[in-house]
Amino acid sequence: MASTILYRKTGAEVGTIELPDGLFAAPVNTAVMHQVVTAQLAGRHLGTHDTKTRGEVAGGGRKPYKQKGTGRARQGSIRAPHYEGGGIVFGPHPRSYEQKVPRRMKRRALRGALSAKFADGAVKVVEDLAMDEMKTRELVGYLANLGAAGRVLVVAPGRDEKLERSASNLPRVEIILADSLNTVDVLNADTLLIVMPALETMTEVYA
């Protein structure tokens, strides 16, 4: 079974802690991870972009000039696509970018991402990360004690307003609940900082 050092938020080592092999020693399938990441990022598109066709552009109710006798090509409306201010041909319209991915594939990708981070030494487990008060400086000190550098993803066992508010001013620190993990956030993190009680939830939900 995989194991790692258990830290206090002061940076002191408490001992070692066993990690579930189902989450941190799983096969890393890059093809599945790529497909899940692509689908997740695609789902973030709002899909609200829209352009007007010639039937939606205002104006152009009458012919710009008579059909015959001018020596020019016939024209039916000044809102045709080849006129300035006319409709757009084959422009984007509101649509959904959602890509359906099986739940088992999402779980497999997440397990692979967690295992890859553990293999890279990017996973740290802290005994507790309770804040005395809402202070960004205090949280920065804890992260420095733990050697959590770069983009830090803190996996919390439950909602903690003091922790969340303390991290809100840190653009490279994100707090996520243990039952809401996703492959993109895990892969984007340079350090995965797991609060010890969150491991039980992770095992129940994903293993």
N, C-alpha and C. Protein backbone atom coordinates (compact mmCIF):
# COMPACT_ATOMS: atom_id res chain seq x y z
N MET A 1 0.84 -1.20 0.00
CA MET A 1 0.00 0.00 0.00
C MET A 1 0.88 1.25 0.00
N ALA A 2 0.46 2.26 -0.75
CA ALA A 2 1.21 3.51 -0.82
C ALA A 2 1.16 4.22 0.53
N SER A 3 2.23 4.89 0.86
CA SER A 3 2.27 5.63 2.11
C SER A 3 3.05 6.92 1.89
N THR A 4 2.78 7.91 2.73
CA THR A 4 3.48 9.18 2.65
C THR A 4 3.59 9.78 4.04
N ILE A 5 4.34 10.86 4.15
CA ILE A 5 4.55 11.50 5.46
C ILE A 5 3.31 12.29 5.83
N LEU A 6 2.94 12.22 7.11
CA LEU A 6 1.84 13.01 7.63
C LEU A 6 2.43 14.21 8.36
N TYR A 7 1.97 15.40 7.99
CA TYR A 7 2.50 16.64 8.55
C TYR A 7 1.48 17.31 9.46
N ARG A 8 2.00 18.11 10.40
CA ARG A 8 1.17 19.09 11.09
C ARG A 8 1.24 20.39 10.27
N LYS A 9 0.30 21.30 10.50
CA LYS A 9 0.31 22.54 9.72
C LYS A 9 1.50 23.42 10.05
N THR A 10 2.21 23.09 11.13
CA THR A 10 3.44 23.81 11.46
C THR A 10 4.62 23.32 10.63
N GLY A 11 4.42 22.22 9.90
CA GLY A 11 5.49 21.65 9.10
C GLY A 11 6.17 20.47 9.75
N ALA A 12 5.85 20.21 11.01
CA ALA A 12 6.47 19.09 11.73
C ALA A 12 5.89 17.76 11.22
N GLU A 13 6.76 16.76 11.16
CA GLU A 13 6.33 15.43 10.71
C GLU A 13 5.74 14.66 11.90
N VAL A 14 4.53 14.13 11.69
CA VAL A 14 3.88 13.35 12.73
C VAL A 14 4.25 11.88 12.60
N GLY A 15 4.39 11.41 11.39
CA GLY A 15 4.69 10.00 11.11
C GLY A 15 4.35 9.72 9.66
N THR A 16 3.90 8.53 9.38
CA THR A 16 3.49 8.17 8.02
C THR A 16 2.01 7.78 8.03
N ILE A 17 1.42 7.86 6.86
CA ILE A 17 0.01 7.51 6.72
C ILE A 17 -0.16 6.67 5.46
N GLU A 18 -0.98 5.64 5.56
CA GLU A 18 -1.25 4.77 4.42
C GLU A 18 -2.28 5.41 3.49
N LEU A 19 -2.01 5.35 2.21
CA LEU A 19 -2.92 5.88 1.20
C LEU A 19 -3.56 4.73 0.43
N PRO A 20 -4.81 4.83 0.07
CA PRO A 20 -5.48 3.74 -0.65
C PRO A 20 -4.86 3.52 -2.03
N ASP A 21 -4.50 2.27 -2.31
CA ASP A 21 -3.90 1.95 -3.61
C ASP A 21 -4.86 2.24 -4.77
N GLY A 22 -6.15 2.14 -4.50
CA GLY A 22 -7.12 2.38 -5.55
C GLY A 22 -7.09 3.80 -6.07
N LEU A 23 -6.56 4.73 -5.27
CA LEU A 23 -6.50 6.13 -5.68
C LEU A 23 -5.10 6.60 -6.02
N PHE A 24 -4.10 6.05 -5.34
CA PHE A 24 -2.75 6.59 -5.48
C PHE A 24 -1.76 5.59 -6.07
N ALA A 25 -2.25 4.41 -6.44
CA ALA A 25 -1.38 3.44 -7.12
C ALA A 25 -2.13 2.80 -8.27
N ALA A 26 -3.00 3.59 -8.87
CA ALA A 26 -3.82 3.09 -9.99
C ALA A 26 -3.07 3.25 -11.30
N PRO A 27 -3.45 2.50 -12.34
CA PRO A 27 -2.82 2.67 -13.66
C PRO A 27 -3.09 4.07 -14.20
N VAL A 28 -2.09 4.65 -14.84
CA VAL A 28 -2.22 5.98 -15.43
C VAL A 28 -2.45 5.82 -16.93
N ASN A 29 -3.68 6.03 -17.36
CA ASN A 29 -4.04 5.92 -18.77
C ASN A 29 -4.17 7.33 -19.34
N THR A 30 -3.14 7.78 -20.05
CA THR A 30 -3.12 9.15 -20.55
C THR A 30 -4.21 9.40 -21.59
N ALA A 31 -4.57 8.39 -22.36
CA ALA A 31 -5.60 8.57 -23.38
C ALA A 31 -6.95 8.86 -22.73
N VAL A 32 -7.28 8.12 -21.68
CA VAL A 32 -8.54 8.34 -20.97
C VAL A 32 -8.52 9.71 -20.28
N MET A 33 -7.40 10.05 -19.67
CA MET A 33 -7.28 11.34 -19.00
C MET A 33 -7.46 12.48 -20.00
N HIS A 34 -6.88 12.34 -21.17
CA HIS A 34 -7.00 13.38 -22.21
C HIS A 34 -8.45 13.55 -22.63
N GLN A 35 -9.15 12.45 -22.82
CA GLN A 35 -10.54 12.52 -23.25
C GLN A 35 -11.42 13.18 -22.19
N VAL A 36 -11.19 12.84 -20.93
CA VAL A 36 -11.98 13.41 -19.85
C VAL A 36 -11.67 14.90 -19.68
N VAL A 37 -10.40 15.27 -19.77
CA VAL A 37 -10.03 16.69 -19.65
C VAL A 37 -10.65 17.49 -20.79
N THR A 38 -10.58 16.97 -22.01
CA THR A 38 -11.17 17.66 -23.17
C THR A 38 -12.67 17.87 -22.97
N ALA A 39 -13.36 16.85 -22.49
CA ALA A 39 -14.81 16.95 -22.26
C ALA A 39 -15.12 17.96 -21.15
N GLN A 40 -14.31 17.95 -20.09
CA GLN A 40 -14.57 18.86 -18.97
C GLN A 40 -14.35 20.31 -19.38
N LEU A 41 -13.28 20.56 -20.13
CA LEU A 41 -13.01 21.93 -20.58
C LEU A 41 -14.06 22.39 -21.59
N ALA A 42 -14.52 21.47 -22.44
CA ALA A 42 -15.55 21.82 -23.41
C ALA A 42 -16.84 22.20 -22.71
N GLY A 43 -17.13 21.53 -21.60
CA GLY A 43 -18.35 21.81 -20.86
C GLY A 43 -18.37 23.18 -20.21
N ARG A 44 -17.19 23.82 -20.11
CA ARG A 44 -17.12 25.15 -19.51
C ARG A 44 -17.52 26.24 -20.49
N HIS A 45 -17.60 25.92 -21.78
CA HIS A 45 -18.05 26.91 -22.77
C HIS A 45 -19.51 27.26 -22.50
N LEU A 46 -19.80 28.53 -22.45
CA LEU A 46 -21.18 28.95 -22.22
C LEU A 46 -22.05 28.66 -23.43
N GLY A 47 -21.48 28.77 -24.62
CA GLY A 47 -22.25 28.50 -25.83
C GLY A 47 -23.32 29.54 -26.10
N THR A 48 -23.12 30.78 -25.62
CA THR A 48 -24.12 31.83 -25.81
C THR A 48 -23.80 32.74 -27.00
N HIS A 49 -22.71 32.45 -27.72
CA HIS A 49 -22.34 33.31 -28.85
C HIS A 49 -23.40 33.22 -29.95
N ASP A 50 -23.64 34.34 -30.61
CA ASP A 50 -24.70 34.37 -31.61
C ASP A 50 -24.41 35.45 -32.65
N THR A 51 -24.72 35.16 -33.90
CA THR A 51 -24.64 36.15 -34.97
C THR A 51 -25.99 36.19 -35.67
N LYS A 52 -26.27 37.31 -36.33
CA LYS A 52 -27.55 37.47 -37.00
C LYS A 52 -27.45 37.09 -38.48
N THR A 53 -28.43 36.34 -38.92
CA THR A 53 -28.51 36.02 -40.34
C THR A 53 -29.19 37.18 -41.06
N ARG A 54 -29.30 37.10 -42.38
CA ARG A 54 -29.91 38.20 -43.13
C ARG A 54 -31.38 38.39 -42.77
N GLY A 55 -32.00 37.35 -42.25
CA GLY A 55 -33.39 37.48 -41.84
C GLY A 55 -33.57 38.12 -40.48
N GLU A 56 -32.46 38.26 -39.73
CA GLU A 56 -32.53 38.82 -38.39
C GLU A 56 -31.99 40.24 -38.31
N VAL A 57 -31.23 40.66 -39.31
CA VAL A 57 -30.66 42.01 -39.32
C VAL A 57 -31.75 43.02 -39.62
N ALA A 58 -31.74 44.12 -38.89
CA ALA A 58 -32.75 45.16 -39.10
C ALA A 58 -32.54 45.88 -40.43
N GLY A 59 -33.64 46.28 -41.07
CA GLY A 59 -33.56 47.05 -42.30
C GLY A 59 -33.59 46.17 -43.53
N GLY A 60 -33.44 46.83 -44.70
CA GLY A 60 -33.38 46.09 -45.96
C GLY A 60 -34.72 45.56 -46.42
N GLY A 61 -35.79 46.28 -46.09
CA GLY A 61 -37.11 45.78 -46.45
C GLY A 61 -37.46 45.94 -47.93
N ARG A 62 -36.85 46.89 -48.58
CA ARG A 62 -37.16 47.10 -50.01
C ARG A 62 -35.92 46.87 -50.85
N LYS A 63 -36.14 46.72 -52.13
CA LYS A 63 -35.01 46.53 -53.05
C LYS A 63 -34.19 47.82 -53.11
N PRO A 64 -32.87 47.71 -53.16
CA PRO A 64 -32.05 48.93 -53.21
C PRO A 64 -32.23 49.70 -54.52
N TYR A 65 -32.52 48.99 -55.60
CA TYR A 65 -32.83 49.63 -56.87
C TYR A 65 -33.62 48.65 -57.72
N LYS A 66 -34.15 49.13 -58.82
CA LYS A 66 -35.04 48.31 -59.62
C LYS A 66 -34.32 47.10 -60.20
N GLN A 67 -35.10 46.10 -60.56
CA GLN A 67 -34.55 44.82 -61.00
C GLN A 67 -33.78 44.95 -62.31
N LYS A 68 -34.34 45.69 -63.26
CA LYS A 68 -33.75 45.72 -64.61
C LYS A 68 -33.41 47.14 -65.04
N GLY A 69 -32.56 47.20 -66.02
CA GLY A 69 -32.29 48.47 -66.68
C GLY A 69 -31.14 49.27 -66.12
N THR A 70 -30.51 48.82 -65.06
CA THR A 70 -29.42 49.60 -64.47
C THR A 70 -28.05 49.13 -64.95
N GLY A 71 -27.99 47.96 -65.54
CA GLY A 71 -26.70 47.39 -65.94
C GLY A 71 -25.93 46.76 -64.79
N ARG A 72 -26.51 46.77 -63.64
CA ARG A 72 -25.85 46.19 -62.47
C ARG A 72 -26.52 44.86 -62.10
N ALA A 73 -25.86 44.11 -61.28
CA ALA A 73 -26.43 42.84 -60.85
C ALA A 73 -27.67 43.09 -60.01
N ARG A 74 -28.64 42.20 -60.14
CA ARG A 74 -29.88 42.36 -59.38
C ARG A 74 -29.61 42.17 -57.89
N GLN A 75 -30.28 42.97 -57.09
CA GLN A 75 -30.13 42.90 -55.64
C GLN A 75 -31.51 42.94 -55.00
N GLY A 76 -31.69 42.12 -53.99
CA GLY A 76 -32.99 42.07 -53.33
C GLY A 76 -33.03 42.82 -52.01
N SER A 77 -31.87 43.00 -51.36
CA SER A 77 -31.85 43.64 -50.05
C SER A 77 -30.45 44.13 -49.74
N ILE A 78 -30.35 45.25 -49.05
CA ILE A 78 -29.03 45.75 -48.65
C ILE A 78 -28.55 45.04 -47.38
N ARG A 79 -29.34 44.08 -46.89
CA ARG A 79 -28.91 43.30 -45.73
C ARG A 79 -28.45 41.90 -46.14
N ALA A 80 -28.19 41.71 -47.43
CA ALA A 80 -27.60 40.46 -47.90
C ALA A 80 -26.17 40.35 -47.36
N PRO A 81 -25.64 39.16 -47.21
CA PRO A 81 -24.33 38.98 -46.56
C PRO A 81 -23.18 39.76 -47.21
N HIS A 82 -23.25 40.03 -48.51
CA HIS A 82 -22.12 40.71 -49.15
C HIS A 82 -22.18 42.22 -48.98
N TYR A 83 -23.21 42.74 -48.33
CA TYR A 83 -23.29 44.16 -48.02
C TYR A 83 -22.75 44.42 -46.62
N GLU A 84 -22.13 45.58 -46.45
CA GLU A 84 -21.71 46.00 -45.11
C GLU A 84 -22.94 46.16 -44.22
N GLY A 85 -22.89 45.56 -43.04
CA GLY A 85 -24.04 45.60 -42.15
C GLY A 85 -25.06 44.52 -42.43
N GLY A 86 -24.74 43.65 -43.39
CA GLY A 86 -25.66 42.58 -43.73
C GLY A 86 -25.56 41.39 -42.79
N GLY A 87 -26.30 40.36 -43.09
CA GLY A 87 -26.29 39.17 -42.25
C GLY A 87 -24.98 38.40 -42.37
N ILE A 88 -24.73 37.52 -41.40
CA ILE A 88 -23.52 36.71 -41.37
C ILE A 88 -23.83 35.31 -41.88
N VAL A 89 -22.97 34.83 -42.78
CA VAL A 89 -23.15 33.50 -43.35
C VAL A 89 -22.41 32.47 -42.49
N PHE A 90 -23.09 31.42 -42.08
CA PHE A 90 -22.50 30.32 -41.31
C PHE A 90 -21.83 30.80 -40.01
N GLY A 91 -22.40 31.84 -39.41
CA GLY A 91 -21.86 32.33 -38.14
C GLY A 91 -22.27 31.44 -36.99
N PRO A 92 -21.65 31.64 -35.83
CA PRO A 92 -21.99 30.80 -34.66
C PRO A 92 -23.35 31.16 -34.09
N HIS A 93 -24.03 30.17 -33.54
CA HIS A 93 -25.31 30.35 -32.89
C HIS A 93 -25.29 29.58 -31.56
N PRO A 94 -26.15 29.96 -30.62
CA PRO A 94 -26.13 29.28 -29.31
C PRO A 94 -26.23 27.76 -29.44
N ARG A 95 -25.34 27.07 -28.73
CA ARG A 95 -25.36 25.61 -28.73
C ARG A 95 -24.64 25.09 -27.50
N SER A 96 -24.82 23.86 -27.21
CA SER A 96 -24.16 23.22 -26.08
C SER A 96 -22.88 22.54 -26.55
N TYR A 97 -21.80 22.72 -25.77
CA TYR A 97 -20.53 22.08 -26.08
C TYR A 97 -20.33 20.80 -25.27
N GLU A 98 -21.35 20.39 -24.55
CA GLU A 98 -21.23 19.24 -23.65
C GLU A 98 -20.85 17.98 -24.41
N GLN A 99 -19.88 17.27 -23.85
CA GLN A 99 -19.48 15.97 -24.37
C GLN A 99 -19.78 14.93 -23.28
N LYS A 100 -20.55 13.94 -23.61
CA LYS A 100 -20.91 12.93 -22.62
C LYS A 100 -19.78 11.92 -22.45
N VAL A 101 -19.39 11.74 -21.20
CA VAL A 101 -18.32 10.80 -20.86
C VAL A 101 -18.87 9.86 -19.79
N PRO A 102 -18.68 8.55 -19.95
CA PRO A 102 -19.17 7.61 -18.93
C PRO A 102 -18.59 7.89 -17.55
N ARG A 103 -19.38 7.65 -16.54
CA ARG A 103 -18.94 7.90 -15.17
C ARG A 103 -17.71 7.07 -14.83
N ARG A 104 -17.66 5.84 -15.29
CA ARG A 104 -16.50 4.97 -15.00
C ARG A 104 -15.23 5.54 -15.62
N MET A 105 -15.35 6.16 -16.78
CA MET A 105 -14.18 6.76 -17.42
C MET A 105 -13.68 7.97 -16.63
N LYS A 106 -14.63 8.77 -16.11
CA LYS A 106 -14.24 9.92 -15.29
C LYS A 106 -13.50 9.47 -14.04
N ARG A 107 -14.00 8.42 -13.41
CA ARG A 107 -13.35 7.91 -12.20
C ARG A 107 -11.97 7.35 -12.52
N ARG A 108 -11.87 6.66 -13.64
CA ARG A 108 -10.57 6.08 -14.03
C ARG A 108 -9.55 7.18 -14.30
N ALA A 109 -10.00 8.26 -14.94
CA ALA A 109 -9.10 9.38 -15.22
C ALA A 109 -8.66 10.07 -13.94
N LEU A 110 -9.60 10.24 -12.98
CA LEU A 110 -9.26 10.89 -11.72
C LEU A 110 -8.27 10.05 -10.92
N ARG A 111 -8.50 8.74 -10.88
CA ARG A 111 -7.55 7.87 -10.17
C ARG A 111 -6.16 7.95 -10.81
N GLY A 112 -6.13 7.99 -12.13
CA GLY A 112 -4.85 8.10 -12.82
C GLY A 112 -4.16 9.41 -12.52
N ALA A 113 -4.93 10.50 -12.45
CA ALA A 113 -4.35 11.81 -12.15
C ALA A 113 -3.78 11.84 -10.73
N LEU A 114 -4.52 11.29 -9.76
CA LEU A 114 -4.04 11.25 -8.38
C LEU A 114 -2.77 10.39 -8.27
N SER A 115 -2.77 9.27 -8.97
CA SER A 115 -1.60 8.38 -8.94
C SER A 115 -0.38 9.04 -9.57
N ALA A 116 -0.60 9.78 -10.66
CA ALA A 116 0.50 10.47 -11.32
C ALA A 116 1.09 11.55 -10.41
N LYS A 117 0.23 12.29 -9.71
CA LYS A 117 0.71 13.31 -8.79
C LYS A 117 1.49 12.70 -7.63
N PHE A 118 1.00 11.56 -7.13
CA PHE A 118 1.71 10.88 -6.04
C PHE A 118 3.07 10.39 -6.50
N ALA A 119 3.12 9.85 -7.71
CA ALA A 119 4.40 9.37 -8.25
C ALA A 119 5.40 10.52 -8.44
N ASP A 120 4.89 11.71 -8.70
CA ASP A 120 5.75 12.88 -8.88
C ASP A 120 6.14 13.54 -7.56
N GLY A 121 5.62 13.02 -6.45
CA GLY A 121 5.93 13.60 -5.14
C GLY A 121 5.19 14.88 -4.86
N ALA A 122 4.06 15.09 -5.54
CA ALA A 122 3.30 16.33 -5.40
C ALA A 122 2.17 16.23 -4.39
N VAL A 123 2.01 15.07 -3.74
CA VAL A 123 0.93 14.86 -2.78
C VAL A 123 1.47 15.00 -1.36
N LYS A 124 0.82 15.88 -0.60
CA LYS A 124 1.16 16.05 0.81
C LYS A 124 -0.11 15.90 1.64
N VAL A 125 0.01 15.25 2.80
CA VAL A 125 -1.14 15.06 3.69
C VAL A 125 -0.86 15.81 4.98
N VAL A 126 -1.80 16.66 5.36
CA VAL A 126 -1.65 17.45 6.59
C VAL A 126 -2.71 16.99 7.59
N GLU A 127 -2.31 16.92 8.84
CA GLU A 127 -3.19 16.42 9.90
C GLU A 127 -4.43 17.29 10.04
N ASP A 128 -4.23 18.60 9.99
CA ASP A 128 -5.34 19.53 10.19
C ASP A 128 -4.93 20.87 9.60
N LEU A 129 -5.89 21.61 9.06
CA LEU A 129 -5.60 22.92 8.48
C LEU A 129 -6.62 23.95 8.99
N ALA A 130 -7.07 23.75 10.21
CA ALA A 130 -8.05 24.67 10.80
C ALA A 130 -7.41 26.03 11.03
N MET A 131 -8.16 27.10 10.71
CA MET A 131 -7.67 28.46 10.85
C MET A 131 -8.19 29.06 12.16
N ASP A 132 -7.31 29.79 12.86
CA ASP A 132 -7.74 30.46 14.08
C ASP A 132 -8.69 31.61 13.74
N GLU A 133 -8.42 32.30 12.63
CA GLU A 133 -9.27 33.38 12.16
C GLU A 133 -9.07 33.53 10.65
N MET A 134 -9.90 34.37 10.04
CA MET A 134 -9.81 34.57 8.60
C MET A 134 -8.63 35.48 8.28
N LYS A 135 -7.47 34.88 8.06
CA LYS A 135 -6.27 35.67 7.76
C LYS A 135 -5.49 34.98 6.65
N THR A 136 -5.33 35.70 5.55
CA THR A 136 -4.56 35.17 4.43
C THR A 136 -3.11 34.93 4.84
N ARG A 137 -2.57 35.85 5.63
CA ARG A 137 -1.17 35.72 6.05
C ARG A 137 -0.95 34.43 6.84
N GLU A 138 -1.92 34.07 7.68
CA GLU A 138 -1.79 32.84 8.47
C GLU A 138 -1.76 31.61 7.57
N LEU A 139 -2.63 31.58 6.54
CA LEU A 139 -2.65 30.45 5.61
C LEU A 139 -1.38 30.39 4.80
N VAL A 140 -0.88 31.53 4.37
CA VAL A 140 0.38 31.57 3.62
C VAL A 140 1.51 30.98 4.46
N GLY A 141 1.49 31.27 5.76
CA GLY A 141 2.52 30.72 6.66
C GLY A 141 2.42 29.21 6.75
N TYR A 142 1.21 28.68 6.85
CA TYR A 142 1.04 27.23 6.92
C TYR A 142 1.53 26.56 5.63
N LEU A 143 1.19 27.15 4.50
CA LEU A 143 1.61 26.57 3.21
C LEU A 143 3.13 26.60 3.08
N ALA A 144 3.74 27.66 3.57
CA ALA A 144 5.21 27.74 3.52
C ALA A 144 5.83 26.68 4.43
N ASN A 145 5.22 26.47 5.61
CA ASN A 145 5.73 25.43 6.53
C ASN A 145 5.68 24.05 5.88
N LEU A 146 4.63 23.82 5.08
CA LEU A 146 4.43 22.50 4.46
C LEU A 146 5.17 22.36 3.14
N GLY A 147 5.80 23.42 2.69
CA GLY A 147 6.52 23.36 1.41
C GLY A 147 5.59 23.25 0.22
N ALA A 148 4.37 23.78 0.36
CA ALA A 148 3.40 23.74 -0.73
C ALA A 148 3.63 24.95 -1.63
N ALA A 149 4.24 24.72 -2.79
CA ALA A 149 4.60 25.82 -3.68
C ALA A 149 3.83 25.70 -5.00
N GLY A 150 3.85 26.78 -5.77
CA GLY A 150 3.19 26.80 -7.07
C GLY A 150 1.68 26.84 -6.92
N ARG A 151 1.00 26.19 -7.85
CA ARG A 151 -0.46 26.10 -7.75
C ARG A 151 -0.82 25.01 -6.74
N VAL A 152 -1.54 25.42 -5.70
CA VAL A 152 -1.84 24.50 -4.60
C VAL A 152 -3.34 24.20 -4.60
N LEU A 153 -3.67 22.91 -4.61
CA LEU A 153 -5.05 22.47 -4.50
C LEU A 153 -5.23 21.84 -3.13
N VAL A 154 -6.01 22.49 -2.27
CA VAL A 154 -6.25 21.98 -0.92
C VAL A 154 -7.54 21.16 -0.95
N VAL A 155 -7.44 19.89 -0.58
CA VAL A 155 -8.60 19.01 -0.55
C VAL A 155 -9.12 18.98 0.89
N ALA A 156 -10.27 19.62 1.11
CA ALA A 156 -10.84 19.75 2.45
C ALA A 156 -11.96 18.73 2.65
N PRO A 157 -12.15 18.25 3.88
CA PRO A 157 -13.20 17.25 4.13
C PRO A 157 -14.60 17.85 4.10
N GLY A 158 -14.72 19.15 4.34
CA GLY A 158 -16.02 19.81 4.37
C GLY A 158 -15.86 21.31 4.25
N ARG A 159 -16.98 22.03 4.24
CA ARG A 159 -16.93 23.48 4.12
C ARG A 159 -16.30 24.09 5.36
N ASP A 160 -15.37 25.02 5.12
CA ASP A 160 -14.70 25.73 6.21
C ASP A 160 -14.59 27.19 5.79
N GLU A 161 -15.46 28.03 6.32
CA GLU A 161 -15.52 29.43 5.88
C GLU A 161 -14.21 30.17 6.14
N LYS A 162 -13.60 29.91 7.29
CA LYS A 162 -12.35 30.61 7.60
C LYS A 162 -11.26 30.24 6.60
N LEU A 163 -11.17 28.95 6.26
CA LEU A 163 -10.16 28.51 5.31
C LEU A 163 -10.45 29.06 3.92
N GLU A 164 -11.71 29.01 3.50
CA GLU A 164 -12.07 29.47 2.16
C GLU A 164 -11.85 30.98 2.02
N ARG A 165 -12.23 31.74 3.04
CA ARG A 165 -12.05 33.19 2.98
C ARG A 165 -10.57 33.56 3.04
N SER A 166 -9.80 32.80 3.79
CA SER A 166 -8.36 33.09 3.88
C SER A 166 -7.66 32.83 2.55
N ALA A 167 -8.19 31.87 1.77
CA ALA A 167 -7.57 31.53 0.48
C ALA A 167 -8.11 32.35 -0.67
N SER A 168 -9.17 33.13 -0.43
CA SER A 168 -9.82 33.85 -1.53
C SER A 168 -8.92 34.90 -2.17
N ASN A 169 -7.93 35.41 -1.44
CA ASN A 169 -7.02 36.42 -1.99
C ASN A 169 -5.77 35.81 -2.59
N LEU A 170 -5.70 34.49 -2.62
CA LEU A 170 -4.51 33.81 -3.17
C LEU A 170 -4.89 33.17 -4.50
N PRO A 171 -4.50 33.78 -5.62
CA PRO A 171 -4.93 33.27 -6.94
C PRO A 171 -4.38 31.90 -7.28
N ARG A 172 -3.31 31.48 -6.63
CA ARG A 172 -2.71 30.18 -6.94
C ARG A 172 -3.06 29.11 -5.91
N VAL A 173 -4.03 29.42 -5.04
CA VAL A 173 -4.49 28.45 -4.03
C VAL A 173 -5.99 28.24 -4.22
N GLU A 174 -6.39 27.00 -4.34
CA GLU A 174 -7.81 26.68 -4.51
C GLU A 174 -8.23 25.65 -3.48
N ILE A 175 -9.40 25.86 -2.90
CA ILE A 175 -9.96 24.93 -1.93
C ILE A 175 -11.05 24.12 -2.63
N ILE A 176 -10.99 22.80 -2.50
CA ILE A 176 -12.00 21.94 -3.12
C ILE A 176 -12.42 20.88 -2.12
N LEU A 177 -13.69 20.51 -2.15
CA LEU A 177 -14.19 19.49 -1.24
C LEU A 177 -13.77 18.10 -1.72
N ALA A 178 -13.61 17.19 -0.79
CA ALA A 178 -13.12 15.85 -1.12
C ALA A 178 -14.07 15.10 -2.03
N ASP A 179 -15.36 15.40 -1.97
CA ASP A 179 -16.32 14.69 -2.81
C ASP A 179 -16.59 15.43 -4.13
N SER A 180 -15.79 16.46 -4.43
CA SER A 180 -15.98 17.25 -5.65
C SER A 180 -14.72 17.30 -6.51
N LEU A 181 -13.84 16.35 -6.33
CA LEU A 181 -12.59 16.34 -7.11
C LEU A 181 -12.88 16.15 -8.59
N ASN A 182 -12.01 16.73 -9.41
CA ASN A 182 -12.10 16.53 -10.85
C ASN A 182 -10.70 16.46 -11.44
N THR A 183 -10.60 15.85 -12.59
CA THR A 183 -9.29 15.57 -13.20
C THR A 183 -8.54 16.84 -13.57
N VAL A 184 -9.23 17.84 -14.09
CA VAL A 184 -8.56 19.07 -14.54
C VAL A 184 -7.87 19.78 -13.38
N ASP A 185 -8.58 19.97 -12.27
CA ASP A 185 -7.99 20.67 -11.13
C ASP A 185 -6.82 19.89 -10.53
N VAL A 186 -6.95 18.58 -10.49
CA VAL A 186 -5.84 17.77 -9.95
C VAL A 186 -4.60 17.88 -10.83
N LEU A 187 -4.78 17.80 -12.14
CA LEU A 187 -3.63 17.87 -13.04
C LEU A 187 -3.01 19.27 -13.08
N ASN A 188 -3.83 20.30 -12.88
CA ASN A 188 -3.30 21.67 -12.92
C ASN A 188 -2.49 22.02 -11.68
N ALA A 189 -2.70 21.30 -10.58
CA ALA A 189 -2.04 21.63 -9.32
C ALA A 189 -0.59 21.18 -9.33
N ASP A 190 0.27 22.05 -8.79
CA ASP A 190 1.67 21.68 -8.58
C ASP A 190 1.82 20.93 -7.26
N THR A 191 0.97 21.27 -6.29
CA THR A 191 0.97 20.58 -5.00
C THR A 191 -0.47 20.22 -4.64
N LEU A 192 -0.69 18.96 -4.31
CA LEU A 192 -2.00 18.49 -3.88
C LEU A 192 -1.93 18.30 -2.37
N LEU A 193 -2.53 19.23 -1.64
CA LEU A 193 -2.47 19.21 -0.18
C LEU A 193 -3.80 18.65 0.36
N ILE A 194 -3.73 17.45 0.94
CA ILE A 194 -4.93 16.77 1.40
C ILE A 194 -5.02 16.84 2.91
N VAL A 195 -6.14 17.37 3.42
CA VAL A 195 -6.39 17.38 4.85
C VAL A 195 -6.81 15.95 5.24
N MET A 196 -6.18 15.39 6.25
CA MET A 196 -6.28 13.96 6.55
C MET A 196 -7.72 13.42 6.57
N PRO A 197 -8.71 14.06 7.22
CA PRO A 197 -10.06 13.49 7.22
C PRO A 197 -10.66 13.38 5.81
N ALA A 198 -10.13 14.13 4.86
CA ALA A 198 -10.66 14.08 3.49
C ALA A 198 -10.32 12.76 2.81
N LEU A 199 -9.29 12.06 3.28
CA LEU A 199 -8.90 10.79 2.66
C LEU A 199 -10.01 9.76 2.77
N GLU A 200 -10.70 9.74 3.91
CA GLU A 200 -11.79 8.79 4.10
C GLU A 200 -12.91 9.05 3.09
N THR A 201 -13.24 10.32 2.91
CA THR A 201 -14.30 10.67 1.94
C THR A 201 -13.86 10.30 0.53
N MET A 202 -12.62 10.59 0.18
CA MET A 202 -12.10 10.27 -1.15
C MET A 202 -12.17 8.77 -1.40
N THR A 203 -11.84 7.98 -0.40
CA THR A 203 -11.87 6.52 -0.55
C THR A 203 -13.31 6.05 -0.77
N GLU A 204 -14.24 6.59 -0.01
CA GLU A 204 -15.64 6.18 -0.13
C GLU A 204 -16.23 6.54 -1.50
N VAL A 205 -15.86 7.72 -2.01
CA VAL A 205 -16.49 8.23 -3.23
C VAL A 205 -15.82 7.71 -4.49
N TYR A 206 -14.50 7.61 -4.50
CA TYR A 206 -13.78 7.35 -5.75
C TYR A 206 -13.10 5.99 -5.84
N ALA A 207 -12.78 5.38 -4.72
CA ALA A 207 -12.00 4.13 -4.77
C ALA A 207 -12.88 2.95 -5.20
